[in-house]
Protein backbone atom coordinates (compact mmCIF):
# COMPACT_ATOMS: atom_id res chain seq x y z
CA MET A 1 -4.09 -2.24 35.02
CA SER A 2 -6.20 -0.49 37.98
CA SER A 3 -4.24 1.67 40.32
CA PRO A 4 -4.99 1.23 44.14
CA PHE A 5 -2.95 3.78 45.37
CA ASN A 6 -4.68 7.14 47.06
CA SER A 7 -1.65 9.33 46.23
CA ILE A 8 0.74 9.50 42.98
CA THR A 9 3.89 9.86 45.43
CA GLU A 10 2.21 6.41 46.56
CA MET A 11 1.50 5.01 43.21
CA ALA A 12 5.43 6.33 42.26
CA ASN A 13 6.43 4.56 44.79
CA GLY A 14 4.52 0.85 44.45
CA TRP A 15 5.10 1.78 40.79
CA LYS A 16 8.58 2.43 39.85
CA HIS A 17 10.05 -0.45 39.38
CA LEU A 18 7.80 -1.49 36.56
CA PRO A 19 9.52 -1.60 33.24
CA LEU A 20 8.35 1.58 30.95
CA PRO A 21 6.01 -0.03 28.76
CA LEU A 22 4.37 -1.21 31.59
CA LEU A 23 4.39 1.57 34.06
CA CYS A 24 3.40 4.02 31.24
CA GLU A 25 -0.03 1.77 30.81
CA ALA A 26 -0.37 1.79 34.83
CA VAL A 27 -0.11 5.04 34.54
CA ARG A 28 -2.39 5.85 32.14
CA ALA A 29 -5.41 4.14 33.84
CA ASP A 30 -3.70 5.45 37.46
CA GLN A 31 -4.96 8.93 35.04
CA ASP A 32 -8.14 8.02 34.25
CA GLU A 33 -8.87 7.03 37.84
CA ARG A 34 -8.31 10.07 39.14
CA PHE A 35 -9.99 12.19 36.71
CA ALA A 36 -13.27 10.30 37.06
CA ARG A 37 -12.52 10.81 40.45
CA GLY A 38 -12.68 14.56 39.77
CA GLU A 39 -8.89 14.86 40.24
CA ARG A 40 -7.55 17.55 38.54
CA PRO A 41 -3.82 15.46 38.00
CA ARG A 42 -1.50 17.13 35.82
CA ALA A 43 1.46 15.15 33.68
CA GLU A 44 4.37 17.05 35.53
CA ASP A 45 2.96 15.42 38.77
CA TYR A 46 3.95 11.77 37.26
CA PHE A 47 6.75 13.32 35.84
CA ARG A 48 8.12 14.56 39.22
CA THR A 49 7.76 11.03 41.25
CA LEU A 50 8.73 9.27 37.82
CA PRO A 51 11.51 10.56 36.48
CA LYS A 52 12.32 7.32 34.38
CA LEU A 53 8.98 8.85 32.47
CA ALA A 54 9.75 11.66 31.51
CA GLY A 55 13.06 10.81 30.02
CA SER A 56 11.07 9.13 27.58
CA GLN A 57 9.76 10.96 24.48
CA GLU A 58 7.12 8.16 23.89
CA ASP A 59 5.88 7.52 27.49
CA ALA A 60 5.63 11.55 28.77
CA LEU A 61 3.83 11.90 25.14
CA VAL A 62 1.38 9.48 25.96
CA ILE A 63 0.37 10.63 29.38
CA ILE A 64 0.10 14.28 28.26
CA TYR A 65 -1.86 13.05 25.80
CA GLY A 66 -3.91 11.23 28.20
CA GLU A 67 -4.36 14.18 30.17
CA ILE A 68 -5.49 16.53 27.12
CA MET A 69 -8.46 13.49 26.68
CA ASN A 70 -9.77 13.60 30.51
CA ARG A 71 -9.94 17.23 30.34
CA ALA A 72 -11.89 17.02 26.83
CA GLU A 73 -14.43 14.75 27.92
CA LEU A 74 -14.84 16.76 31.13
CA GLY A 75 -15.60 20.34 29.32
CA ASP A 76 -12.41 21.56 29.95
CA THR A 77 -10.92 24.67 27.22
CA TYR A 78 -7.14 24.06 26.89
CA LEU A 79 -4.24 25.40 24.12
CA LEU A 80 -2.01 24.74 22.18
CA GLU A 81 0.13 27.27 23.77
CA GLU A 82 -0.47 26.31 27.34
CA TYR A 83 1.23 22.32 26.22
CA CYS A 84 4.02 24.57 24.80
CA GLU A 85 4.78 26.67 27.43
CA ARG A 86 4.29 23.55 29.99
CA PHE A 87 6.30 21.30 27.47
CA PRO A 88 8.50 23.61 24.95
CA HIS A 89 11.23 20.86 24.03
CA TRP A 90 8.17 18.82 22.36
CA ARG A 91 6.54 22.11 20.44
CA LYS A 92 6.38 20.32 17.66
CA GLU A 93 5.14 16.79 18.28
CA LEU A 94 2.10 18.66 20.76
CA GLN A 95 1.19 20.66 17.78
CA ASP A 96 0.80 17.22 15.95
CA ILE A 97 -1.12 15.57 19.27
CA LEU A 98 -3.35 18.34 19.09
CA MET A 99 -4.30 18.16 15.64
CA LEU A 100 -5.18 15.38 15.59
CA HIS A 101 -7.00 15.17 18.51
CA ASP A 102 -9.47 18.48 17.00
CA GLY A 103 -9.49 16.65 13.98
CA LEU A 104 -10.56 13.53 16.06
CA THR A 105 -13.06 15.35 18.22
CA GLY A 106 -16.02 13.47 19.11
CA CYS A 107 -14.38 10.09 19.02
CA ARG A 108 -14.59 7.91 22.01
CA PHE A 109 -11.71 6.95 23.88
CA ASN A 110 -11.18 3.90 26.23
CA SER A 111 -9.06 0.90 26.74
CA THR A 112 -11.30 -1.64 24.99
CA GLN A 113 -11.22 -2.60 21.34
CA VAL A 114 -14.14 -3.59 19.72
CA THR A 115 -14.74 -3.68 16.32
CA THR A 116 -19.11 -3.68 15.90
CA GLU A 117 -20.70 -5.80 13.22
CA LYS A 118 -21.91 -2.41 11.56
CA GLU A 119 -18.32 -0.81 12.03
CA VAL A 120 -17.21 -3.35 9.33
CA ARG A 121 -20.48 -3.37 7.35
CA GLU A 122 -20.63 0.43 7.22
CA PRO A 123 -16.89 1.43 6.55
CA PRO A 124 -16.95 5.12 6.28
CA VAL A 125 -17.11 6.91 2.29
CA VAL A 126 -13.59 8.53 1.52
CA PRO A 127 -14.22 10.75 -1.22
CA GLY A 128 -12.13 9.68 -4.80
CA TYR A 129 -12.64 6.18 -4.07
CA ALA A 130 -14.40 3.60 -4.30
CA PRO A 131 -16.83 1.35 -2.06
CA LEU A 132 -14.49 0.13 0.80
CA GLU A 133 -14.68 -3.77 0.71
CA PHE A 134 -13.39 -5.32 4.54
CA MET A 135 -10.26 -7.17 4.63
CA ASN A 136 -9.03 -7.86 8.23
CA GLN A 137 -8.27 -6.38 11.15
CA GLY A 138 -5.79 -6.18 14.13
CA GLY A 139 -4.91 -3.96 17.21
CA MET A 140 -4.14 -1.10 15.55
CA GLY A 141 -7.26 -1.04 13.08
CA ILE A 142 -9.65 -1.87 10.34
CA VAL A 143 -8.49 -2.14 6.78
CA TYR A 144 -10.56 -2.28 3.79
CA ARG A 145 -9.18 -2.38 0.06
CA SER A 146 -10.74 0.06 -2.76
CA ARG A 147 -9.56 1.54 -5.84
CA PRO A 148 -9.00 5.54 -6.51
CA LEU A 149 -12.10 6.33 -8.99
CA ARG A 150 -9.59 8.46 -11.22
CA GLY A 151 -7.57 5.05 -11.48
CA GLY A 152 -4.73 3.06 -10.87
CA PRO A 153 -4.28 0.19 -8.48
CA ASP A 154 -5.51 -0.51 -5.48
CA VAL A 155 -5.02 0.84 -2.30
CA ALA A 156 -5.11 -0.42 1.32
CA ILE A 157 -7.17 1.69 3.78
CA LYS A 158 -6.84 1.63 7.42
CA PHE A 159 -9.14 2.85 9.57
CA ALA A 160 -9.03 3.42 13.19
CA HIS A 161 -11.30 1.39 15.97
CA GLN A 162 -14.18 3.82 17.02
CA THR A 163 -13.40 2.43 19.71
CA ALA A 164 -8.84 3.91 19.35
CA THR A 165 -7.09 4.41 22.93
CA ALA A 166 -4.86 7.59 22.84
CA THR A 167 -1.87 5.15 21.82
CA GLU A 168 -3.08 3.88 19.26
CA LEU A 169 -3.99 7.28 17.24
CA LEU A 170 -0.69 8.35 18.08
CA ARG A 171 0.82 5.32 16.67
CA LEU A 172 -1.40 5.79 13.89
CA LEU A 173 -0.24 9.48 13.11
CA HIS A 174 3.06 8.62 13.96
CA GLU A 175 3.21 5.63 11.39
CA ALA A 176 1.26 7.83 8.39
CA GLU A 177 4.34 10.58 8.98
CA THR A 178 7.32 7.96 8.64
CA LEU A 179 6.00 6.49 5.76
CA GLN A 180 5.93 9.96 4.21
CA ARG A 181 9.23 10.21 4.37
CA LEU A 182 10.55 7.33 2.93
CA SER A 183 10.16 6.11 -0.37
CA HIS A 184 11.75 3.02 -1.60
CA PRO A 185 10.33 -0.36 -3.78
CA ASN A 186 10.61 -2.35 -1.27
CA ILE A 187 8.52 0.47 1.33
CA VAL A 188 4.82 0.21 1.17
CA PRO A 189 4.17 3.51 -0.67
CA PHE A 190 2.25 6.31 1.22
CA ILE A 191 -0.74 7.61 -0.33
CA GLU A 192 -2.64 9.82 1.63
CA SER A 193 -3.89 10.46 5.49
CA GLY A 194 -6.63 12.03 7.16
CA ALA A 195 -10.03 11.78 8.84
CA ILE A 196 -13.50 11.16 8.49
CA ASN A 197 -16.46 11.27 10.80
CA GLN A 198 -13.83 11.66 13.63
CA ARG A 199 -11.85 8.57 12.39
CA PHE A 200 -8.01 8.43 11.47
CA TYR A 201 -7.02 6.98 7.87
CA ILE A 202 -4.07 5.84 6.39
CA ILE A 203 -3.86 5.31 2.31
CA SER A 204 -1.44 2.98 0.97
CA LEU A 205 -0.69 0.61 -1.93
CA TRP A 206 -2.60 -2.66 -1.75
CA ALA A 207 -0.90 -5.89 -2.59
CA ASP A 208 -1.84 -8.84 -3.86
CA GLY A 209 0.10 -11.99 -2.69
CA GLY A 210 -0.61 -11.20 0.56
CA THR A 211 2.11 -11.62 3.31
CA LEU A 212 5.08 -12.78 4.36
CA ALA A 213 3.48 -14.92 7.22
CA ASP A 214 0.17 -15.70 4.76
CA ARG A 215 2.93 -17.40 2.46
CA LEU A 216 4.85 -19.52 5.08
CA SER A 217 2.03 -20.45 6.73
CA GLN A 218 0.09 -21.77 3.33
CA ASN A 219 3.38 -23.76 2.25
CA HIS A 220 6.99 -24.21 2.73
CA PRO A 221 9.38 -22.19 0.66
CA THR A 222 12.91 -23.63 -0.42
CA TRP A 223 16.07 -21.56 1.41
CA HIS A 224 16.74 -20.07 -1.93
CA TRP A 225 13.71 -17.94 -2.97
CA GLY A 226 13.71 -17.37 1.55
CA THR A 227 17.43 -15.80 0.66
CA LYS A 228 16.41 -13.60 -2.07
CA VAL A 229 12.95 -12.36 -0.82
CA MET A 230 15.17 -11.39 2.30
CA MET A 231 18.05 -9.67 0.26
CA GLU A 232 15.07 -7.11 -0.94
CA ILE A 233 13.45 -6.98 2.94
CA LEU A 234 17.24 -5.60 3.73
CA LYS A 235 17.55 -3.03 0.61
CA GLY A 236 14.37 -1.84 2.39
CA VAL A 237 15.60 -1.63 6.23
CA GLN A 238 18.36 -0.55 4.52
CA ALA A 239 16.98 3.48 3.62
CA ALA A 240 14.86 3.15 6.69
CA HIS A 241 18.09 3.27 8.39
CA LYS A 242 19.65 6.07 6.16
CA GLN A 243 16.64 7.78 7.57
CA HIS A 244 17.68 7.31 10.47
CA ILE A 245 14.90 5.70 11.30
CA VAL A 246 14.16 1.91 13.40
CA HIS A 247 11.17 -0.10 12.69
CA ARG A 248 11.08 -2.34 16.09
CA ASP A 249 8.43 -4.52 14.78
CA LEU A 250 10.12 -6.84 12.06
CA LYS A 251 8.58 -9.70 11.40
CA PRO A 252 6.89 -12.18 8.53
CA ALA A 253 3.25 -10.38 9.01
CA ASN A 254 4.31 -7.18 8.42
CA ILE A 255 5.63 -7.54 5.34
CA LEU A 256 4.36 -7.63 2.38
CA LEU A 257 3.99 -9.38 -1.44
CA THR A 258 3.56 -8.12 -4.63
CA GLU A 259 2.08 -10.17 -7.07
CA ASN A 260 5.99 -10.80 -7.89
CA ASP A 261 6.54 -11.87 -4.99
CA ARG A 262 8.09 -8.40 -4.04
CA PRO A 263 8.40 -7.38 -0.58
CA MET A 264 7.01 -4.41 0.83
CA ILE A 265 7.53 -3.89 4.40
CA THR A 266 4.90 -1.97 5.99
CA ASP A 267 3.54 -1.24 9.32
CA PHE A 268 6.15 1.76 10.75
CA GLY A 269 3.27 2.41 14.18
CA ILE A 270 6.04 1.77 16.21
CA ALA A 271 8.95 2.69 14.42
CA ARG A 272 11.65 5.15 16.09
CA SER A 273 13.54 8.15 15.12
CA LEU A 274 17.53 7.68 16.31
CA LEU A 275 17.34 11.81 16.47
CA ALA A 276 14.12 12.04 16.94
CA GLY A 277 12.40 9.75 19.21
CA GLY A 278 9.43 8.19 18.23
CA MET A 279 6.89 5.01 19.47
CA HIS A 280 6.90 2.58 21.71
CA THR A 281 5.12 -1.21 21.70
CA ARG A 282 2.70 -1.41 24.48
CA SER A 283 2.85 -3.80 27.14
CA GLY A 284 -0.29 -5.69 25.88
CA GLU A 285 1.49 -5.82 22.89
CA VAL A 286 4.75 -7.42 23.07
CA LEU A 287 3.17 -10.55 22.97
CA GLY A 288 1.90 -10.82 19.56
CA THR A 289 5.34 -9.62 18.77
CA PHE A 290 7.99 -10.74 20.73
CA GLN A 291 9.72 -13.80 19.26
CA TYR A 292 11.09 -11.41 16.76
CA MET A 293 12.75 -9.24 19.36
CA PRO A 294 16.09 -9.04 20.70
CA PRO A 295 16.89 -9.42 23.97
CA GLU A 296 17.62 -5.70 24.84
CA GLN A 297 13.77 -4.32 23.34
CA ILE A 298 12.21 -6.95 25.81
CA ARG A 299 13.88 -5.98 28.60
CA GLY A 300 12.94 -2.54 27.59
CA GLU A 301 16.32 -1.34 27.64
CA HIS A 302 15.72 1.91 25.33
CA SER A 303 19.77 3.54 25.40
CA ARG A 304 19.96 0.06 23.71
CA ILE A 305 17.32 0.31 20.72
CA GLY A 306 18.74 0.99 17.44
CA TYR A 307 19.67 -0.64 14.00
CA SER A 308 21.06 -3.74 15.98
CA THR A 309 17.84 -4.09 17.04
CA ASP A 310 16.29 -4.60 13.14
CA ILE A 311 19.61 -6.92 12.51
CA TYR A 312 17.98 -9.46 15.32
CA SER A 313 14.47 -9.34 13.96
CA LEU A 314 16.01 -9.53 9.91
CA GLY A 315 18.07 -13.07 11.41
CA VAL A 316 14.85 -14.61 12.88
CA ILE A 317 13.19 -13.87 9.78
CA LEU A 318 16.08 -15.41 8.07
CA PHE A 319 15.92 -18.56 9.72
CA GLU A 320 12.28 -18.83 9.66
CA LEU A 321 12.28 -18.82 5.88
CA ILE A 322 14.70 -20.65 5.37
CA THR A 323 14.27 -23.96 8.06
CA ASN A 324 10.17 -23.18 7.43
CA ARG A 325 9.63 -22.92 11.78
CA ASN A 326 10.85 -20.23 14.43
CA VAL A 327 13.88 -20.19 16.03
CA PHE A 328 12.34 -20.77 19.67
CA GLN A 329 9.80 -23.02 19.31
CA SER A 330 8.15 -22.61 23.02
CA ASN A 331 4.24 -21.36 23.53
CA ALA A 332 4.85 -20.59 26.48
CA ARG A 333 5.25 -16.66 27.30
CA ASN A 334 8.23 -16.87 30.38
CA LEU A 335 9.27 -20.10 28.85
CA LEU A 336 10.12 -18.19 25.58
CA ILE A 337 11.29 -14.97 26.94
CA GLU A 338 14.02 -16.81 28.96
CA GLN A 339 14.93 -18.94 25.65
CA ILE A 340 15.52 -15.18 23.66
CA LEU A 341 17.20 -13.88 26.60
CA THR A 342 19.63 -16.63 27.41
CA THR A 343 19.26 -19.66 25.55
CA VAL A 344 21.98 -20.25 21.94
CA PRO A 345 19.91 -20.23 19.12
CA GLY A 346 20.24 -23.48 16.81
CA ASN A 347 21.76 -23.96 13.45
CA PRO A 348 19.47 -24.06 10.40
CA ALA A 349 21.69 -26.39 8.92
CA GLN A 350 20.90 -29.68 11.83
CA ILE A 351 17.55 -28.62 10.83
CA ASN A 352 17.77 -28.14 7.20
CA PRO A 353 20.72 -30.20 5.90
CA ASP A 354 20.65 -28.52 2.58
CA ILE A 355 21.41 -24.99 3.81
CA PRO A 356 24.60 -24.09 2.80
CA LYS A 357 26.65 -23.48 6.52
CA GLN A 358 27.52 -19.17 4.66
CA LEU A 359 23.71 -18.47 5.79
CA ASP A 360 23.80 -20.29 9.10
CA THR A 361 27.03 -18.13 9.72
CA VAL A 362 24.68 -15.17 8.75
CA CYS A 363 21.86 -16.36 10.57
CA GLN A 364 23.99 -16.50 13.68
CA LYS A 365 25.72 -13.59 13.38
CA CYS A 366 22.19 -11.34 13.89
CA LEU A 367 21.56 -13.60 16.66
CA GLN A 368 23.98 -12.69 19.10
CA LYS A 369 22.25 -11.71 22.16
CA GLU A 370 24.20 -8.17 22.97
CA PRO A 371 23.87 -6.22 20.04
CA GLU A 372 27.45 -5.11 19.64
CA ASN A 373 27.86 -8.63 18.38
CA ARG A 374 25.55 -8.23 15.16
CA TYR A 375 26.00 -6.94 12.31
CA HIS A 376 27.18 -3.66 12.58
CA SER A 377 24.49 -2.21 9.94
CA VAL A 378 22.05 -3.70 7.65
CA GLU A 379 24.74 -3.10 4.41
CA GLU A 380 27.32 -5.01 5.87
CA MET A 381 24.80 -8.03 6.58
CA HIS A 382 23.23 -7.35 2.65
CA ASN A 383 26.75 -7.91 1.35
CA GLU A 384 27.88 -11.07 3.48
CA LEU A 385 24.72 -12.27 1.91
CA SER A 386 24.93 -11.49 -1.42
CA HIS A 387 29.02 -13.16 -1.12
CA ALA A 388 27.24 -16.63 0.28
CA LEU A 389 24.62 -16.30 -2.49
CA SER A 390 27.40 -15.84 -5.26
CA SER A 391 29.59 -18.48 -3.85
CA LEU A 392 26.80 -20.73 -3.73
CA GLN A 393 26.12 -20.15 -8.02
C-alpha cells in the first residue's frame, strides 16, 4: 500500500479509520517511502498521531522494527539502550528484536516474497543435519526435510525467505519462542532455532502423515474418525491455553498428522499470549485463513480475542471433519466475510443425516457469533464431545 500523503499528520487523518492490520501495513509503507526520500521519521511520530497503533504491542513493534531496518540500510548506528530508553515498557521484546536483527545483518528486506530456483536448489547447510530435501513453501518460508547425523527421527527445517519482511521475521522468532514454552504430544515438538547465512530457521519434528488438510482433500474420512482426531486436537489446544497462549490460526493446514494419525498443532507464528501480547495476522495474509476465523477476529476487535477465538476455529474444523465441507461455501471474499459475520451456519446433520445430533449440537455451540455464547473453555468442549461419543457407543 503506497502513501499519497505529504505529512504524517495528513496520513493519520486519511487512514485513521482503517482496521489495525491494514493500518499497520499502510504505516510501514509510508515509513519506507519517507526514509527513501531522506526523511527520518521516528516511530513515536506515528504513535502520536495514531494512538490505536501505539496501543497494540504487536503492531507497535512492527513499526519500531521498520525504523531499525531503515536506519540500518542507511548506515545509521543504533543501540539497544536507545530503544529501551524510548520504549522502556517493551525492553524484553526489543532485546529479542535486535538480537534477531543483528543475527540477520546483511539480509535483504522488502515487501515481496520471491523464492528463486537457486534458493530452493541450493539450501543452506545446517550443521549436524543431512543435506536438506525441499518439501514445500508458503508465506512464512521454505520447509525442508532432513535427519540428524547423530541419528533420530526426521525433522522439518523451516527457513525464512531471503526476501523476508520485518513482520515475517518477527513472526518466525515469535513462533520459535512460543514452541519452546509448549510441550505436549499434540503440539509439534520444537528442537532448535538459529540463523545461517543471514537466514533464520526453526527445526521441529517431521510428521510423516502430512497435514489434516491433505487428508481431507485426498479422501472423505468418516465422522467417527474426524471426531476422534478432534478429541486429540483439543488436548493440544488445551495445553496451549494453560500457558495463556491463543493460537489464532487454527485450520487443517496447521495440523500435522503422524503415520499413526496422531494430530500435532503447528505454526504458532501469530499466536498471542494473553499475558504479554503476540503477533497478529497482516491484512494480506487473512485471505487464505479467514474462513476459520470468528467474527471478532475478522473485524479486528483485538480486545475480544481470547480462548473463545480458538474455540470458534475448532468448531469450523469439526464441521469440516464430520461433513467433508466448509461451514460457508462462497468463493467471493466479500460474500464469505458477510456470511461469517451475519449468517447462521447450517446444521451438519442436514448435510449428512448419519451425523448424530450430539455432534451437531457441539458444532453449533462453537460457531456462535458472540464469544460469550461459545464454550467457555476447550476443556468444556472436550467434555461435551467426549460425552457425545460415549453416548453413541
